[in-house]
Every structure is written in C-alpha cells, then in structure tokens.
PDB file of all heavy atoms in Angstrom:
ATOM      1  N   TYR A   1     151.630 135.197 120.617  1.00  0.00           N
ATOM      2  CA  TYR A   1     150.945 134.066 120.050  1.00  0.00           C
ATOM      3  C   TYR A   1     149.801 133.636 120.952  1.00  0.00           C
ATOM      4  O   TYR A   1     148.654 133.410 120.473  1.00  0.00           O
ATOM      5  CB  TYR A   1     151.905 132.876 119.907  1.00  0.00           C
ATOM      6  CG  TYR A   1     151.361 131.634 119.420  1.00  0.00           C
ATOM      7  CD1 TYR A   1     151.137 131.348 118.148  1.00  0.00           C
ATOM      8  CD2 TYR A   1     151.042 130.565 120.410  1.00  0.00           C
ATOM      9  CE1 TYR A   1     150.603 130.123 117.676  1.00  0.00           C
ATOM     10  CE2 TYR A   1     150.431 129.417 119.928  1.00  0.00           C
ATOM     11  CZ  TYR A   1     150.323 129.242 118.587  1.00  0.00           C
ATOM     12  OH  TYR A   1     149.695 128.024 118.136  1.00  0.00           O
ATOM     13  N   GLU A   2     150.065 133.608 122.223  1.00  0.00           N
ATOM     14  CA  GLU A   2     149.002 133.178 123.217  1.00  0.00           C
ATOM     15  C   GLU A   2     147.937 134.283 123.358  1.00  0.00           C
ATOM     16  O   GLU A   2     146.785 133.963 123.601  1.00  0.00           O
ATOM     17  CB  GLU A   2     149.602 132.885 124.529  1.00  0.00           C
ATOM     18  CG  GLU A   2     150.442 131.547 124.511  1.00  0.00           C
ATOM     19  CD  GLU A   2     151.170 131.322 125.785  1.00  0.00           C
ATOM     20  OE1 GLU A   2     151.052 132.199 126.733  1.00  0.00           O
ATOM     21  OE2 GLU A   2     151.766 130.225 125.946  1.00  0.00           O
ATOM     22  N   LYS A   3     148.291 135.492 123.193  1.00  0.00           N
ATOM     23  CA  LYS A   3     147.398 136.691 123.375  1.00  0.00           C
ATOM     24  C   LYS A   3     146.454 136.861 122.155  1.00  0.00           C
ATOM     25  O   LYS A   3     145.256 137.122 122.372  1.00  0.00           O
ATOM     26  CB  LYS A   3     148.181 137.886 123.578  1.00  0.00           C
ATOM     27  CG  LYS A   3     147.347 139.096 124.002  1.00  0.00           C
ATOM     28  CD  LYS A   3     148.213 140.299 124.326  1.00  0.00           C
ATOM     29  CE  LYS A   3     147.350 141.498 124.844  1.00  0.00           C
ATOM     30  NZ  LYS A   3     148.242 142.653 125.277  1.00  0.00           N
ATOM     31  N   TYR A   4     146.912 136.605 120.921  1.00  0.00           N
ATOM     32  CA  TYR A   4     146.081 136.948 119.883  1.00  0.00           C
ATOM     33  C   TYR A   4     145.803 135.664 118.914  1.00  0.00           C
ATOM     34  O   TYR A   4     145.021 135.880 117.923  1.00  0.00           O
ATOM     35  CB  TYR A   4     146.859 137.911 118.851  1.00  0.00           C
ATOM     36  CG  TYR A   4     147.071 139.290 119.483  1.00  0.00           C
ATOM     37  CD1 TYR A   4     148.270 139.599 120.077  1.00  0.00           C
ATOM     38  CD2 TYR A   4     146.017 140.161 119.553  1.00  0.00           C
ATOM     39  CE1 TYR A   4     148.515 140.773 120.674  1.00  0.00           C
ATOM     40  CE2 TYR A   4     146.203 141.392 120.255  1.00  0.00           C
ATOM     41  CZ  TYR A   4     147.435 141.781 120.771  1.00  0.00           C
ATOM     42  OH  TYR A   4     147.584 142.917 121.380  1.00  0.00           O
ATOM     43  N   ARG A   5     146.182 134.549 119.306  1.00  0.00           N
ATOM     44  CA  ARG A   5     145.893 133.393 118.554  1.00  0.00           C
ATOM     45  C   ARG A   5     144.453 133.121 118.335  1.00  0.00           C
ATOM     46  O   ARG A   5     143.940 132.990 117.199  1.00  0.00           O
ATOM     47  CB  ARG A   5     146.549 132.157 119.167  1.00  0.00           C
ATOM     48  CG  ARG A   5     146.204 130.850 118.404  1.00  0.00           C
ATOM     49  CD  ARG A   5     146.885 129.603 119.077  1.00  0.00           C
ATOM     50  NE  ARG A   5     146.424 129.509 120.478  1.00  0.00           N
ATOM     51  CZ  ARG A   5     146.742 128.553 121.289  1.00  0.00           C
ATOM     52  NH1 ARG A   5     147.552 127.613 120.881  1.00  0.00           N
ATOM     53  NH2 ARG A   5     146.298 128.568 122.589  1.00  0.00           N
ATOM     54  N   GLU A   6     143.608 133.080 119.429  1.00  0.00           N
ATOM     55  CA  GLU A   6     142.194 132.793 119.359  1.00  0.00           C
ATOM     56  C   GLU A   6     141.491 133.992 118.631  1.00  0.00           C
ATOM     57  O   GLU A   6     140.589 133.705 117.824  1.00  0.00           O
ATOM     58  CB  GLU A   6     141.681 132.662 120.734  1.00  0.00           C
ATOM     59  CG  GLU A   6     142.134 131.522 121.507  1.00  0.00           C
ATOM     60  CD  GLU A   6     141.953 130.184 120.745  1.00  0.00           C
ATOM     61  OE1 GLU A   6     140.875 130.093 120.092  1.00  0.00           O
ATOM     62  OE2 GLU A   6     142.681 129.191 120.824  1.00  0.00           O
ATOM     63  N   SER A   7     141.813 135.206 118.876  1.00  0.00           N
ATOM     64  CA  SER A   7     141.207 136.351 118.258  1.00  0.00           C
ATOM     65  C   SER A   7     141.303 136.319 116.767  1.00  0.00           C
ATOM     66  O   SER A   7     140.390 136.486 116.000  1.00  0.00           O
ATOM     67  CB  SER A   7     141.638 137.669 118.847  1.00  0.00           C
ATOM     68  OG  SER A   7     141.420 137.731 120.187  1.00  0.00           O
ATOM     69  N   LEU A   8     142.617 136.041 116.318  1.00  0.00           N
ATOM     70  CA  LEU A   8     142.859 136.077 114.869  1.00  0.00           C
ATOM     71  C   LEU A   8     142.144 134.934 114.160  1.00  0.00           C
ATOM     72  O   LEU A   8     141.750 134.885 113.084  1.00  0.00           O
ATOM     73  CB  LEU A   8     144.373 136.056 114.643  1.00  0.00           C
ATOM     74  CG  LEU A   8     145.073 137.297 114.897  1.00  0.00           C
ATOM     75  CD1 LEU A   8     146.560 137.157 114.778  1.00  0.00           C
ATOM     76  CD2 LEU A   8     144.551 138.437 114.018  1.00  0.00           C
ATOM     77  N   ARG A   9     142.088 133.659 114.901  1.00  0.00           N
ATOM     78  CA  ARG A   9     141.452 132.542 114.382  1.00  0.00           C
ATOM     79  C   ARG A   9     139.980 132.865 114.160  1.00  0.00           C
ATOM     80  O   ARG A   9     139.348 132.508 113.120  1.00  0.00           O
ATOM     81  CB  ARG A   9     141.693 131.375 115.220  1.00  0.00           C
ATOM     82  CG  ARG A   9     143.019 130.697 115.035  1.00  0.00           C
ATOM     83  CD  ARG A   9     143.124 129.530 116.014  1.00  0.00           C
ATOM     84  NE  ARG A   9     144.415 128.753 115.784  1.00  0.00           N
ATOM     85  CZ  ARG A   9     144.753 127.746 116.426  1.00  0.00           C
ATOM     86  NH1 ARG A   9     143.995 127.239 117.312  1.00  0.00           N
ATOM     87  NH2 ARG A   9     145.969 127.147 116.202  1.00  0.00           N
ATOM     88  N   SER A  10     139.334 133.509 115.193  1.00  0.00           N
ATOM     89  CA  SER A  10     137.899 133.697 115.050  1.00  0.00           C
ATOM     90  C   SER A  10     137.647 134.782 113.997  1.00  0.00           C
ATOM     91  O   SER A  10     136.589 134.852 113.528  1.00  0.00           O
ATOM     92  CB  SER A  10     137.369 134.242 116.427  1.00  0.00           C
ATOM     93  OG  SER A  10     138.069 135.495 116.797  1.00  0.00           O
ATOM     94  N   GLY A  11     138.586 135.570 113.686  1.00  0.00           N
ATOM     95  CA  GLY A  11     138.452 136.515 112.604  1.00  0.00           C
ATOM     96  C   GLY A  11     138.724 135.984 111.201  1.00  0.00           C
ATOM     97  O   GLY A  11     138.619 136.690 110.235  1.00  0.00           O
ATOM     98  N   GLY A  12     138.921 134.610 111.139  1.00  0.00           N
ATOM     99  CA  GLY A  12     139.104 133.992 109.827  1.00  0.00           C
ATOM    100  C   GLY A  12     140.485 134.317 109.236  1.00  0.00           C
ATOM    101  O   GLY A  12     140.644 134.213 107.964  1.00  0.00           O
ATOM    102  N   VAL A  13     141.481 134.665 110.015  1.00  0.00           N
ATOM    103  CA  VAL A  13     142.756 134.958 109.398  1.00  0.00           C
ATOM    104  C   VAL A  13     143.875 134.042 110.006  1.00  0.00           C
ATOM    105  O   VAL A  13     144.942 134.525 110.355  1.00  0.00           O
ATOM    106  CB  VAL A  13     143.174 136.521 109.606  1.00  0.00           C
ATOM    107  CG1 VAL A  13     142.349 137.352 108.720  1.00  0.00           C
ATOM    108  CG2 VAL A  13     142.927 136.841 111.063  1.00  0.00           C
ATOM    109  N   LYS A  14     143.466 132.811 110.084  1.00  0.00           N
ATOM    110  CA  LYS A  14     144.440 131.885 110.786  1.00  0.00           C
ATOM    111  C   LYS A  14     145.716 131.808 110.037  1.00  0.00           C
ATOM    112  O   LYS A  14     146.714 131.487 110.590  1.00  0.00           O
ATOM    113  CB  LYS A  14     143.757 130.569 110.839  1.00  0.00           C
ATOM    114  CG  LYS A  14     144.553 129.440 111.428  1.00  0.00           C
ATOM    115  CD  LYS A  14     143.875 128.106 111.410  1.00  0.00           C
ATOM    116  CE  LYS A  14     144.733 126.987 111.994  1.00  0.00           C
ATOM    117  NZ  LYS A  14     144.042 125.640 111.898  1.00  0.00           N
ATOM    118  N   SER A  15     145.669 132.005 108.685  1.00  0.00           N
ATOM    119  CA  SER A  15     146.894 131.751 107.891  1.00  0.00           C
ATOM    120  C   SER A  15     148.045 132.675 108.255  1.00  0.00           C
ATOM    121  O   SER A  15     149.183 132.418 107.918  1.00  0.00           O
ATOM    122  CB  SER A  15     146.568 131.871 106.338  1.00  0.00           C
ATOM    123  OG  SER A  15     146.128 133.257 106.063  1.00  0.00           O
ATOM    124  N   VAL A  16     147.790 133.830 108.881  1.00  0.00           N
ATOM    125  CA  VAL A  16     148.875 134.740 109.232  1.00  0.00           C
ATOM    126  C   VAL A  16     149.720 134.140 110.390  1.00  0.00           C
ATOM    127  O   VAL A  16     150.839 134.583 110.598  1.00  0.00           O
ATOM    128  CB  VAL A  16     148.395 136.108 109.583  1.00  0.00           C
ATOM    129  CG1 VAL A  16     147.650 136.675 108.461  1.00  0.00           C
ATOM    130  CG2 VAL A  16     147.552 136.118 110.849  1.00  0.00           C
ATOM    131  N   ILE A  17     149.170 133.282 111.122  1.00  0.00           N
ATOM    132  CA  ILE A  17     149.982 132.653 112.214  1.00  0.00           C
ATOM    133  C   ILE A  17     150.643 131.327 111.582  1.00  0.00           C
ATOM    134  O   ILE A  17     150.061 130.270 111.561  1.00  0.00           O
ATOM    135  CB  ILE A  17     149.078 132.276 113.460  1.00  0.00           C
ATOM    136  CG1 ILE A  17     148.347 133.443 113.924  1.00  0.00           C
ATOM    137  CG2 ILE A  17     149.918 131.659 114.547  1.00  0.00           C
ATOM    138  CD1 ILE A  17     147.351 133.184 115.086  1.00  0.00           C
ATOM    139  N   ARG A  18     151.882 131.498 111.162  1.00  0.00           N
ATOM    140  CA  ARG A  18     152.591 130.519 110.464  1.00  0.00           C
ATOM    141  C   ARG A  18     153.330 129.555 111.425  1.00  0.00           C
ATOM    142  O   ARG A  18     153.585 128.421 111.077  1.00  0.00           O
ATOM    143  CB  ARG A  18     153.608 131.149 109.562  1.00  0.00           C
ATOM    144  CG  ARG A  18     153.019 132.022 108.452  1.00  0.00           C
ATOM    145  CD  ARG A  18     152.431 131.182 107.312  1.00  0.00           C
ATOM    146  NE  ARG A  18     153.552 130.397 106.733  1.00  0.00           N
ATOM    147  CZ  ARG A  18     154.407 130.887 105.778  1.00  0.00           C
ATOM    148  NH1 ARG A  18     154.311 132.184 105.386  1.00  0.00           N
ATOM    149  NH2 ARG A  18     155.287 130.113 105.250  1.00  0.00           N
ATOM    150  N   PHE A  19     153.698 130.103 112.568  1.00  0.00           N
ATOM    151  CA  PHE A  19     154.561 129.337 113.515  1.00  0.00           C
ATOM    152  C   PHE A  19     153.944 129.264 114.861  1.00  0.00           C
ATOM    153  O   PHE A  19     153.468 130.245 115.423  1.00  0.00           O
ATOM    154  CB  PHE A  19     155.963 129.932 113.643  1.00  0.00           C
ATOM    155  CG  PHE A  19     156.669 130.156 112.306  1.00  0.00           C
ATOM    156  CD1 PHE A  19     156.703 131.447 111.792  1.00  0.00           C
ATOM    157  CD2 PHE A  19     157.182 129.140 111.596  1.00  0.00           C
ATOM    158  CE1 PHE A  19     157.354 131.705 110.538  1.00  0.00           C
ATOM    159  CE2 PHE A  19     157.925 129.303 110.477  1.00  0.00           C
ATOM    160  CZ  PHE A  19     157.964 130.576 109.879  1.00  0.00           C
ATOM    161  N   ALA A  20     153.915 128.071 115.501  1.00  0.00           N
ATOM    162  CA  ALA A  20     153.716 127.984 116.955  1.00  0.00           C
ATOM    163  C   ALA A  20     155.073 128.207 117.587  1.00  0.00           C
ATOM    164  O   ALA A  20     156.217 127.995 117.017  1.00  0.00           O
ATOM    165  CB  ALA A  20     153.210 126.554 117.240  1.00  0.00           C
ATOM    166  N   PRO A  21     155.086 128.530 118.907  1.00  0.00           N
ATOM    167  CA  PRO A  21     156.387 128.688 119.532  1.00  0.00           C
ATOM    168  C   PRO A  21     157.251 127.531 119.472  1.00  0.00           C
ATOM    169  O   PRO A  21     158.541 127.722 119.345  1.00  0.00           O
ATOM    170  CB  PRO A  21     155.950 129.029 121.082  1.00  0.00           C
ATOM    171  CG  PRO A  21     154.556 129.590 120.874  1.00  0.00           C
ATOM    172  CD  PRO A  21     153.937 128.875 119.724  1.00  0.00           C
ATOM    173  N   ASP A  22     156.698 126.318 119.634  1.00  0.00           N
ATOM    174  CA  ASP A  22     157.532 125.160 119.480  1.00  0.00           C
ATOM    175  C   ASP A  22     158.134 124.944 118.022  1.00  0.00           C
ATOM    176  O   ASP A  22     159.243 124.439 117.934  1.00  0.00           O
ATOM    177  CB  ASP A  22     156.721 123.929 119.824  1.00  0.00           C
ATOM    178  CG  ASP A  22     156.318 123.857 121.322  1.00  0.00           C
ATOM    179  OD1 ASP A  22     156.986 124.558 122.110  1.00  0.00           O
ATOM    180  OD2 ASP A  22     155.462 123.094 121.727  1.00  0.00           O
ATOM    181  N   ASP A  23     157.429 125.447 117.074  1.00  0.00           N
ATOM    182  CA  ASP A  23     157.869 125.457 115.719  1.00  0.00           C
ATOM    183  C   ASP A  23     159.143 126.247 115.670  1.00  0.00           C
ATOM    184  O   ASP A  23     160.189 125.858 114.988  1.00  0.00           O
ATOM    185  CB  ASP A  23     156.938 125.903 114.669  1.00  0.00           C
ATOM    186  CG  ASP A  23     155.683 125.023 114.633  1.00  0.00           C
ATOM    187  OD1 ASP A  23     155.889 123.753 114.928  1.00  0.00           O
ATOM    188  OD2 ASP A  23     154.638 125.421 114.276  1.00  0.00           O
ATOM    189  N   LEU A  24     159.117 127.408 116.246  1.00  0.00           N
ATOM    190  CA  LEU A  24     160.269 128.320 116.118  1.00  0.00           C
ATOM    191  C   LEU A  24     161.516 127.639 116.892  1.00  0.00           C
ATOM    192  O   LEU A  24     162.605 127.726 116.402  1.00  0.00           O
ATOM    193  CB  LEU A  24     159.981 129.697 116.844  1.00  0.00           C
ATOM    194  CG  LEU A  24     159.006 130.522 116.140  1.00  0.00           C
ATOM    195  CD1 LEU A  24     158.710 131.782 117.040  1.00  0.00           C
ATOM    196  CD2 LEU A  24     159.370 130.895 114.775  1.00  0.00           C
ATOM    197  N   GLN A  25     161.183 126.972 118.008  1.00  0.00           N
ATOM    198  CA  GLN A  25     162.298 126.361 118.758  1.00  0.00           C
ATOM    199  C   GLN A  25     162.926 125.231 117.924  1.00  0.00           C
ATOM    200  O   GLN A  25     164.061 125.099 117.867  1.00  0.00           O
ATOM    201  CB  GLN A  25     161.613 125.741 120.047  1.00  0.00           C
ATOM    202  CG  GLN A  25     162.650 125.098 121.010  1.00  0.00           C
ATOM    203  CD  GLN A  25     163.503 126.196 121.650  1.00  0.00           C
ATOM    204  OE1 GLN A  25     162.899 127.025 122.353  1.00  0.00           O
ATOM    205  NE2 GLN A  25     164.760 126.205 121.495  1.00  0.00           N
ATOM    206  N   ASN A  26     162.080 124.504 117.182  1.00  0.00           N
ATOM    207  CA  ASN A  26     162.601 123.453 116.296  1.00  0.00           C
ATOM    208  C   ASN A  26     163.418 124.046 115.177  1.00  0.00           C
ATOM    209  O   ASN A  26     164.472 123.510 114.874  1.00  0.00           O
ATOM    210  CB  ASN A  26     161.458 122.585 115.685  1.00  0.00           C
ATOM    211  CG  ASN A  26     160.723 121.778 116.873  1.00  0.00           C
ATOM    212  OD1 ASN A  26     161.349 121.398 117.896  1.00  0.00           O
ATOM    213  ND2 ASN A  26     159.485 121.483 116.617  1.00  0.00           N
ATOM    214  N   TYR A  27     162.937 125.142 114.595  1.00  0.00           N
ATOM    215  CA  TYR A  27     163.702 125.715 113.487  1.00  0.00           C
ATOM    216  C   TYR A  27     165.088 126.204 114.011  1.00  0.00           C
ATOM    217  O   TYR A  27     166.083 125.990 113.293  1.00  0.00           O
ATOM    218  CB  TYR A  27     162.941 126.928 112.857  1.00  0.00           C
ATOM    219  CG  TYR A  27     161.897 126.542 111.870  1.00  0.00           C
ATOM    220  CD1 TYR A  27     160.577 126.651 112.115  1.00  0.00           C
ATOM    221  CD2 TYR A  27     162.353 126.018 110.667  1.00  0.00           C
ATOM    222  CE1 TYR A  27     159.653 126.222 111.147  1.00  0.00           C
ATOM    223  CE2 TYR A  27     161.405 125.675 109.690  1.00  0.00           C
ATOM    224  CZ  TYR A  27     160.029 125.769 109.947  1.00  0.00           C
ATOM    225  OH  TYR A  27     159.112 125.412 108.962  1.00  0.00           O
ATOM    226  N   LEU A  28     165.130 126.788 115.148  1.00  0.00           N
ATOM    227  CA  LEU A  28     166.353 127.281 115.663  1.00  0.00           C
ATOM    228  C   LEU A  28     167.309 126.120 115.992  1.00  0.00           C
ATOM    229  O   LEU A  28     168.525 126.146 115.798  1.00  0.00           O
ATOM    230  CB  LEU A  28     166.118 128.100 117.016  1.00  0.00           C
ATOM    231  CG  LEU A  28     165.430 129.425 116.803  1.00  0.00           C
ATOM    232  CD1 LEU A  28     165.151 130.091 118.105  1.00  0.00           C
ATOM    233  CD2 LEU A  28     166.308 130.412 115.984  1.00  0.00           C
ATOM    234  N   SER A  29     166.718 124.995 116.394  1.00  0.00           N
ATOM    235  CA  SER A  29     167.512 123.841 116.810  1.00  0.00           C
ATOM    236  C   SER A  29     168.264 123.266 115.579  1.00  0.00           C
ATOM    237  O   SER A  29     169.288 122.676 115.674  1.00  0.00           O
ATOM    238  CB  SER A  29     166.643 122.740 117.415  1.00  0.00           C
ATOM    239  OG  SER A  29     166.086 123.196 118.630  1.00  0.00           O
ATOM    240  N   ASP A  30     167.606 123.487 114.374  1.00  0.00           N
ATOM    241  CA  ASP A  30     168.235 122.962 113.122  1.00  0.00           C
ATOM    242  C   ASP A  30     169.328 123.919 112.490  1.00  0.00           C
ATOM    243  O   ASP A  30     169.995 123.452 111.581  1.00  0.00           O
ATOM    244  CB  ASP A  30     167.120 122.762 112.014  1.00  0.00           C
ATOM    245  CG  ASP A  30     166.165 121.614 112.449  1.00  0.00           C
ATOM    246  OD1 ASP A  30     166.592 120.760 113.213  1.00  0.00           O
ATOM    247  OD2 ASP A  30     165.032 121.616 111.952  1.00  0.00           O
TER     248      ASP A  30
END
C-alpha cells in the first residue's frame, strides 16, 4: 500500500486501492 499508493493514484487508477491498512484492521476487528 505504501509502496504503490502514490504511483497508482498518479496513473489514474485510484479505484483499485479499496482498502487502507487501517480499514483492514477495522474489518478484522468486526
């Protein structure tokens, strides 16, 4: 996420990054 987030965003494909790490943590917590 930290390695490719900026690159993918600049390439106009932000939608493929559905989850931030904290989002995953929250989902697991539920």
